[in-house]
């Protein structure tokens, strides 16, 4: 990868956190859904990130992140006995999504904090650049 500057590093990190927040939103939106079979039940999603190093990473220590995929949870959905539910199988069971709302809320807060941290990095870099320019005046 080519050389990265602070704006590219933070921008890509913010884009990764945006993906993370989108998956949290999808998970929370489907947290209370049910299906008639385990295969149809909603499964929580998680983004998979990969570190991307700049061409001269060993010289300048610059690295950023890319989202390489979105993985679905392998945890089995909860089997609930609800014989009068329209989606119940022949034995009277429905299958609830495997989304843990508490885990999603923690993940949402962490992603939000990481996004805010990168905004602060960009703001600091901008301030330093403006001060450097004003020295020459």
N, C-alpha and C. Protein backbone atom coordinates (compact mmCIF):
# COMPACT_ATOMS: atom_id res chain seq x y z
N UNK A 1 0.85 -1.18 0.00
CA UNK A 1 0.00 0.00 0.00
C UNK A 1 0.89 1.24 0.00
N UNK A 2 0.41 2.28 -0.65
CA UNK A 2 1.14 3.55 -0.72
C UNK A 2 1.27 4.17 0.67
N UNK A 3 1.99 5.25 0.73
CA UNK A 3 2.13 5.97 1.99
C UNK A 3 0.78 6.53 2.40
N UNK A 4 0.54 6.56 3.69
CA UNK A 4 -0.71 7.07 4.23
C UNK A 4 -0.43 8.32 5.04
N UNK A 5 -1.34 9.28 4.93
CA UNK A 5 -1.22 10.44 5.81
C UNK A 5 -2.28 10.33 6.90
N UNK A 6 -2.21 11.21 7.88
CA UNK A 6 -3.09 11.13 9.04
C UNK A 6 -4.56 11.21 8.66
N UNK A 7 -4.89 11.95 7.62
CA UNK A 7 -6.27 12.09 7.20
C UNK A 7 -6.81 10.79 6.59
N UNK A 8 -5.97 10.11 5.82
CA UNK A 8 -6.37 8.82 5.26
C UNK A 8 -6.52 7.76 6.33
N UNK A 9 -5.60 7.75 7.29
CA UNK A 9 -5.65 6.76 8.37
C UNK A 9 -6.93 6.94 9.18
N UNK A 10 -7.19 8.15 9.61
CA UNK A 10 -8.38 8.40 10.42
C UNK A 10 -9.66 8.22 9.62
N UNK A 11 -9.64 8.62 8.36
CA UNK A 11 -10.83 8.45 7.51
C UNK A 11 -11.20 7.00 7.34
N UNK A 12 -10.21 6.16 7.12
CA UNK A 12 -10.48 4.73 6.95
C UNK A 12 -10.93 4.10 8.26
N UNK A 13 -10.35 4.56 9.36
CA UNK A 13 -10.77 4.06 10.68
C UNK A 13 -12.22 4.44 10.95
N UNK A 14 -12.59 5.67 10.57
CA UNK A 14 -13.97 6.11 10.77
C UNK A 14 -14.92 5.30 9.88
N UNK A 15 -14.50 4.99 8.68
CA UNK A 15 -15.33 4.17 7.78
C UNK A 15 -15.54 2.78 8.37
N UNK A 16 -14.50 2.22 8.98
CA UNK A 16 -14.62 0.90 9.61
C UNK A 16 -15.61 0.95 10.78
N UNK A 17 -15.55 2.01 11.57
CA UNK A 17 -16.49 2.14 12.69
C UNK A 17 -17.91 2.36 12.19
N UNK A 18 -18.06 3.00 11.04
CA UNK A 18 -19.38 3.17 10.44
C UNK A 18 -19.97 1.81 10.08
N UNK A 19 -19.16 0.93 9.52
CA UNK A 19 -19.61 -0.43 9.20
C UNK A 19 -20.01 -1.14 10.49
N UNK A 20 -19.21 -0.98 11.50
CA UNK A 20 -19.50 -1.61 12.80
C UNK A 20 -20.83 -1.11 13.36
N UNK A 21 -21.08 0.19 13.29
CA UNK A 21 -22.34 0.75 13.77
C UNK A 21 -23.52 0.26 12.93
N UNK A 22 -23.31 0.10 11.63
CA UNK A 22 -24.38 -0.42 10.77
C UNK A 22 -24.76 -1.85 11.14
N UNK A 23 -23.75 -2.68 11.44
CA UNK A 23 -24.06 -4.07 11.84
C UNK A 23 -24.77 -4.09 13.19
N UNK A 24 -24.36 -3.22 14.10
CA UNK A 24 -25.05 -3.14 15.40
C UNK A 24 -26.51 -2.75 15.18
N UNK A 25 -26.75 -1.77 14.33
CA UNK A 25 -28.12 -1.33 14.05
C UNK A 25 -28.95 -2.48 13.46
N UNK A 26 -28.37 -3.23 12.54
CA UNK A 26 -29.08 -4.38 11.96
C UNK A 26 -29.38 -5.43 13.01
N UNK A 27 -28.40 -5.69 13.86
CA UNK A 27 -28.59 -6.69 14.91
C UNK A 27 -29.69 -6.27 15.88
N UNK A 28 -29.66 -5.01 16.31
CA UNK A 28 -30.68 -4.54 17.24
C UNK A 28 -32.07 -4.52 16.60
N UNK A 29 -32.13 -4.19 15.33
CA UNK A 29 -33.42 -4.17 14.63
C UNK A 29 -34.03 -5.57 14.54
N UNK A 30 -33.20 -6.59 14.54
CA UNK A 30 -33.67 -7.97 14.40
C UNK A 30 -33.59 -8.77 15.70
N UNK A 31 -33.33 -8.11 16.81
CA UNK A 31 -33.12 -8.80 18.08
C UNK A 31 -34.32 -9.61 18.54
N UNK A 32 -35.51 -9.16 18.23
CA UNK A 32 -36.69 -9.87 18.74
C UNK A 32 -37.46 -10.61 17.64
N UNK A 33 -36.81 -10.87 16.52
CA UNK A 33 -37.49 -11.59 15.45
C UNK A 33 -37.47 -13.09 15.70
N UNK A 34 -38.44 -13.78 15.13
CA UNK A 34 -38.50 -15.24 15.22
C UNK A 34 -38.72 -15.80 13.82
N UNK A 35 -38.41 -17.08 13.68
CA UNK A 35 -38.57 -17.77 12.41
C UNK A 35 -39.09 -19.17 12.67
N UNK A 36 -39.52 -19.84 11.62
CA UNK A 36 -40.07 -21.18 11.74
C UNK A 36 -39.03 -22.28 11.75
N UNK A 37 -37.81 -21.98 11.29
CA UNK A 37 -36.75 -22.98 11.29
C UNK A 37 -35.45 -22.33 11.80
N UNK A 38 -34.53 -23.13 12.30
CA UNK A 38 -33.25 -22.57 12.76
C UNK A 38 -32.47 -21.88 11.63
N UNK A 39 -32.60 -22.39 10.42
CA UNK A 39 -31.87 -21.82 9.28
C UNK A 39 -32.41 -20.44 8.89
N UNK A 40 -33.69 -20.19 9.13
CA UNK A 40 -34.30 -18.91 8.78
C UNK A 40 -34.13 -17.85 9.87
N UNK A 41 -33.75 -18.28 11.06
CA UNK A 41 -33.61 -17.34 12.19
C UNK A 41 -32.46 -16.36 11.92
N UNK A 42 -32.67 -15.12 12.33
CA UNK A 42 -31.64 -14.10 12.14
C UNK A 42 -30.44 -14.42 13.02
N UNK A 43 -29.26 -14.26 12.49
CA UNK A 43 -28.01 -14.47 13.23
C UNK A 43 -27.25 -13.16 13.29
N UNK A 44 -26.74 -12.84 14.46
CA UNK A 44 -26.00 -11.59 14.66
C UNK A 44 -24.83 -11.51 13.68
N UNK A 45 -24.54 -10.28 13.25
CA UNK A 45 -23.44 -10.03 12.32
C UNK A 45 -22.31 -9.28 13.03
N UNK A 46 -21.08 -9.53 12.60
CA UNK A 46 -19.91 -8.84 13.12
C UNK A 46 -18.98 -8.52 11.96
N UNK A 47 -18.49 -7.28 11.90
CA UNK A 47 -17.51 -6.97 10.85
C UNK A 47 -16.16 -7.60 11.18
N UNK A 48 -15.44 -7.96 10.15
CA UNK A 48 -14.09 -8.51 10.31
C UNK A 48 -13.13 -7.46 9.76
N UNK A 49 -12.22 -7.00 10.62
CA UNK A 49 -11.27 -5.96 10.24
C UNK A 49 -9.89 -6.56 10.01
N UNK A 50 -9.11 -5.86 9.17
CA UNK A 50 -7.74 -6.27 8.87
C UNK A 50 -6.84 -5.04 8.92
N UNK A 51 -5.69 -5.19 9.53
CA UNK A 51 -4.72 -4.10 9.58
C UNK A 51 -4.06 -3.96 8.21
N UNK A 52 -3.94 -2.72 7.76
CA UNK A 52 -3.30 -2.42 6.48
C UNK A 52 -2.12 -1.49 6.78
N UNK A 53 -0.94 -1.96 6.43
CA UNK A 53 0.28 -1.19 6.68
C UNK A 53 0.66 -0.37 5.46
N UNK A 54 1.19 0.81 5.72
CA UNK A 54 1.71 1.64 4.64
C UNK A 54 2.96 0.98 4.08
N UNK A 55 3.35 1.40 2.88
CA UNK A 55 4.51 0.81 2.22
C UNK A 55 5.75 0.87 3.10
N UNK A 56 5.93 1.96 3.81
CA UNK A 56 7.12 2.13 4.65
C UNK A 56 6.75 2.02 6.14
N UNK A 57 5.90 1.06 6.47
CA UNK A 57 5.41 0.94 7.85
C UNK A 57 6.55 0.71 8.84
N UNK A 58 7.58 -0.02 8.41
CA UNK A 58 8.69 -0.26 9.33
C UNK A 58 9.50 1.00 9.58
N UNK A 59 9.38 1.99 8.70
CA UNK A 59 10.10 3.25 8.88
C UNK A 59 9.28 4.31 9.60
N UNK A 60 7.96 4.32 9.37
CA UNK A 60 7.16 5.39 9.96
C UNK A 60 6.03 4.89 10.87
N UNK A 61 5.81 3.59 10.98
CA UNK A 61 4.82 3.04 11.89
C UNK A 61 3.38 3.33 11.52
N UNK A 62 3.10 3.67 10.26
CA UNK A 62 1.74 4.03 9.86
C UNK A 62 0.98 2.79 9.41
N UNK A 63 -0.20 2.61 9.98
CA UNK A 63 -1.10 1.52 9.60
C UNK A 63 -2.53 1.99 9.77
N UNK A 64 -3.42 1.38 9.04
CA UNK A 64 -4.85 1.70 9.18
C UNK A 64 -5.64 0.40 9.14
N UNK A 65 -6.90 0.48 8.85
CA UNK A 65 -7.77 -0.69 8.92
C UNK A 65 -8.67 -0.76 7.70
N UNK A 66 -9.00 -1.97 7.30
CA UNK A 66 -9.99 -2.21 6.26
C UNK A 66 -11.00 -3.22 6.78
N UNK A 67 -12.23 -3.10 6.33
CA UNK A 67 -13.25 -4.10 6.62
C UNK A 67 -13.17 -5.13 5.51
N UNK A 68 -12.88 -6.38 5.86
CA UNK A 68 -12.70 -7.40 4.84
C UNK A 68 -13.96 -8.23 4.62
N UNK A 69 -14.81 -8.34 5.64
CA UNK A 69 -16.05 -9.10 5.47
C UNK A 69 -16.98 -8.85 6.65
N UNK A 70 -18.17 -9.37 6.51
CA UNK A 70 -19.15 -9.36 7.60
C UNK A 70 -19.44 -10.83 7.91
N UNK A 71 -19.17 -11.24 9.15
CA UNK A 71 -19.37 -12.64 9.54
C UNK A 71 -20.67 -12.79 10.32
N UNK A 72 -21.34 -13.88 10.11
CA UNK A 72 -22.56 -14.20 10.85
C UNK A 72 -22.20 -15.10 12.03
N UNK A 73 -22.86 -14.88 13.14
CA UNK A 73 -22.64 -15.68 14.34
C UNK A 73 -23.00 -17.14 14.09
N UNK A 74 -22.25 -18.03 14.69
CA UNK A 74 -22.52 -19.46 14.56
C UNK A 74 -23.32 -19.99 15.75
N UNK A 75 -23.64 -19.11 16.71
CA UNK A 75 -24.42 -19.51 17.87
C UNK A 75 -25.82 -19.91 17.43
N UNK A 76 -26.32 -21.00 17.97
CA UNK A 76 -27.65 -21.49 17.60
C UNK A 76 -28.74 -20.54 18.09
N UNK A 77 -29.80 -20.40 17.31
CA UNK A 77 -30.91 -19.57 17.77
C UNK A 77 -31.63 -20.24 18.93
N UNK A 78 -32.32 -19.42 19.71
CA UNK A 78 -33.07 -19.94 20.86
C UNK A 78 -34.35 -20.61 20.38
N UNK A 79 -34.59 -21.80 20.86
CA UNK A 79 -35.80 -22.54 20.49
C UNK A 79 -36.86 -22.27 21.56
N UNK A 80 -38.02 -21.74 21.14
CA UNK A 80 -39.09 -21.39 22.08
C UNK A 80 -40.37 -22.16 21.72
N UNK A 81 -41.02 -22.64 22.76
CA UNK A 81 -42.30 -23.33 22.55
C UNK A 81 -43.42 -22.30 22.51
N UNK A 82 -43.97 -22.08 21.33
CA UNK A 82 -45.10 -21.16 21.12
C UNK A 82 -46.02 -21.78 20.08
N UNK A 83 -46.82 -22.76 20.50
CA UNK A 83 -47.61 -23.54 19.52
C UNK A 83 -48.64 -22.72 18.75
N UNK A 84 -49.05 -21.56 19.28
CA UNK A 84 -50.07 -20.76 18.59
C UNK A 84 -49.47 -19.67 17.70
N UNK A 85 -48.15 -19.60 17.65
CA UNK A 85 -47.50 -18.60 16.79
C UNK A 85 -47.64 -19.04 15.33
N UNK A 86 -47.94 -18.10 14.43
CA UNK A 86 -48.11 -18.50 13.02
C UNK A 86 -46.86 -19.10 12.37
N UNK A 87 -45.68 -18.81 12.88
CA UNK A 87 -44.45 -19.37 12.30
C UNK A 87 -44.00 -20.66 12.98
N UNK A 88 -44.76 -21.14 13.97
CA UNK A 88 -44.35 -22.34 14.71
C UNK A 88 -44.26 -23.55 13.78
N UNK A 89 -43.26 -24.40 14.06
CA UNK A 89 -43.12 -25.62 13.28
C UNK A 89 -44.17 -26.65 13.73
N UNK A 90 -44.12 -27.84 13.18
CA UNK A 90 -45.13 -28.85 13.48
C UNK A 90 -45.15 -29.25 14.95
N UNK A 91 -44.01 -29.04 15.66
CA UNK A 91 -43.93 -29.36 17.08
C UNK A 91 -44.27 -28.17 17.98
N UNK A 92 -44.59 -27.02 17.36
CA UNK A 92 -44.98 -25.84 18.13
C UNK A 92 -43.83 -24.93 18.53
N UNK A 93 -42.68 -25.06 17.89
CA UNK A 93 -41.52 -24.25 18.25
C UNK A 93 -41.24 -23.16 17.22
N UNK A 94 -40.78 -22.02 17.72
CA UNK A 94 -40.24 -20.97 16.87
C UNK A 94 -38.78 -20.78 17.27
N UNK A 95 -38.02 -20.14 16.40
CA UNK A 95 -36.60 -19.96 16.65
C UNK A 95 -36.28 -18.47 16.66
N UNK A 96 -35.80 -18.00 17.80
CA UNK A 96 -35.52 -16.57 18.00
C UNK A 96 -34.10 -16.24 17.57
N UNK A 97 -33.89 -15.01 17.18
CA UNK A 97 -32.54 -14.58 16.78
C UNK A 97 -31.58 -14.74 17.95
N UNK A 98 -30.31 -14.86 17.63
CA UNK A 98 -29.30 -15.05 18.67
C UNK A 98 -28.63 -13.74 19.07
N UNK A 99 -29.30 -12.63 18.88
CA UNK A 99 -28.74 -11.31 19.18
C UNK A 99 -28.84 -11.05 20.69
N UNK A 100 -27.71 -10.68 21.28
CA UNK A 100 -27.67 -10.28 22.69
C UNK A 100 -27.69 -8.75 22.72
N UNK A 101 -28.82 -8.17 23.11
CA UNK A 101 -28.99 -6.72 23.07
C UNK A 101 -27.96 -5.99 23.93
N UNK A 102 -27.63 -6.55 25.09
CA UNK A 102 -26.63 -5.91 25.95
C UNK A 102 -25.26 -5.86 25.28
N UNK A 103 -24.88 -6.94 24.64
CA UNK A 103 -23.60 -6.98 23.92
C UNK A 103 -23.60 -5.97 22.78
N UNK A 104 -24.73 -5.85 22.10
CA UNK A 104 -24.83 -4.91 21.00
C UNK A 104 -24.71 -3.47 21.48
N UNK A 105 -25.32 -3.16 22.62
CA UNK A 105 -25.24 -1.80 23.15
C UNK A 105 -23.81 -1.45 23.55
N UNK A 106 -23.10 -2.40 24.14
CA UNK A 106 -21.69 -2.17 24.50
C UNK A 106 -20.87 -1.96 23.23
N UNK A 107 -21.11 -2.77 22.21
CA UNK A 107 -20.39 -2.64 20.95
C UNK A 107 -20.69 -1.29 20.30
N UNK A 108 -21.94 -0.84 20.40
CA UNK A 108 -22.33 0.45 19.85
C UNK A 108 -21.58 1.59 20.55
N UNK A 109 -21.50 1.53 21.87
CA UNK A 109 -20.79 2.56 22.62
C UNK A 109 -19.30 2.57 22.26
N UNK A 110 -18.71 1.40 22.14
CA UNK A 110 -17.29 1.32 21.81
C UNK A 110 -17.02 1.86 20.40
N UNK A 111 -17.87 1.50 19.44
CA UNK A 111 -17.70 2.00 18.07
C UNK A 111 -17.87 3.52 18.04
N UNK A 112 -18.83 4.02 18.78
CA UNK A 112 -19.06 5.46 18.85
C UNK A 112 -17.85 6.19 19.42
N UNK A 113 -17.27 5.62 20.47
CA UNK A 113 -16.06 6.22 21.08
C UNK A 113 -14.89 6.21 20.11
N UNK A 114 -14.71 5.11 19.40
CA UNK A 114 -13.61 5.03 18.44
C UNK A 114 -13.80 6.05 17.32
N UNK A 115 -15.03 6.23 16.89
CA UNK A 115 -15.33 7.22 15.86
C UNK A 115 -15.00 8.62 16.38
N UNK A 116 -15.44 8.93 17.61
CA UNK A 116 -15.14 10.23 18.21
C UNK A 116 -13.64 10.44 18.38
N UNK A 117 -12.91 9.40 18.75
CA UNK A 117 -11.45 9.51 18.89
C UNK A 117 -10.81 9.91 17.57
N UNK A 118 -11.28 9.33 16.49
CA UNK A 118 -10.71 9.68 15.18
C UNK A 118 -11.08 11.08 14.75
N UNK A 119 -12.25 11.55 15.13
CA UNK A 119 -12.60 12.95 14.87
C UNK A 119 -11.65 13.86 15.63
N UNK A 120 -11.31 13.50 16.85
CA UNK A 120 -10.37 14.30 17.64
C UNK A 120 -8.98 14.29 17.02
N UNK A 121 -8.55 13.16 16.50
CA UNK A 121 -7.26 13.09 15.81
C UNK A 121 -7.25 14.04 14.62
N UNK A 122 -8.31 14.02 13.81
CA UNK A 122 -8.40 14.91 12.65
C UNK A 122 -8.41 16.37 13.07
N UNK A 123 -9.13 16.67 14.11
CA UNK A 123 -9.20 18.05 14.61
C UNK A 123 -7.82 18.52 15.09
N UNK A 124 -7.13 17.67 15.82
CA UNK A 124 -5.80 18.02 16.31
C UNK A 124 -4.83 18.21 15.15
N UNK A 125 -4.87 17.32 14.17
CA UNK A 125 -3.99 17.44 13.01
C UNK A 125 -4.25 18.74 12.25
N UNK A 126 -5.51 19.08 12.10
CA UNK A 126 -5.87 20.32 11.42
C UNK A 126 -5.33 21.53 12.19
N UNK A 127 -5.52 21.54 13.49
CA UNK A 127 -5.03 22.64 14.33
C UNK A 127 -3.52 22.79 14.22
N UNK A 128 -2.81 21.67 14.28
CA UNK A 128 -1.35 21.71 14.18
C UNK A 128 -0.89 22.21 12.81
N UNK A 129 -1.59 21.80 11.77
CA UNK A 129 -1.23 22.27 10.43
C UNK A 129 -1.46 23.78 10.30
N UNK A 130 -2.58 24.26 10.83
CA UNK A 130 -2.86 25.69 10.77
C UNK A 130 -1.85 26.50 11.58
N UNK A 131 -1.44 25.98 12.73
CA UNK A 131 -0.42 26.68 13.53
C UNK A 131 0.91 26.69 12.81
N UNK A 132 1.24 25.59 12.13
CA UNK A 132 2.49 25.53 11.37
C UNK A 132 2.48 26.54 10.23
N UNK A 133 1.36 26.65 9.55
CA UNK A 133 1.23 27.62 8.46
C UNK A 133 1.34 29.05 8.98
N UNK A 134 0.75 29.30 10.14
CA UNK A 134 0.79 30.67 10.69
C UNK A 134 2.18 31.08 11.16
N UNK A 135 3.06 30.11 11.41
CA UNK A 135 4.43 30.44 11.81
C UNK A 135 5.15 31.15 10.66
N UNK A 136 4.87 30.75 9.45
CA UNK A 136 5.52 31.32 8.28
C UNK A 136 5.02 32.71 7.91
N UNK A 137 3.97 33.18 8.53
CA UNK A 137 3.42 34.49 8.17
C UNK A 137 4.12 35.61 8.88
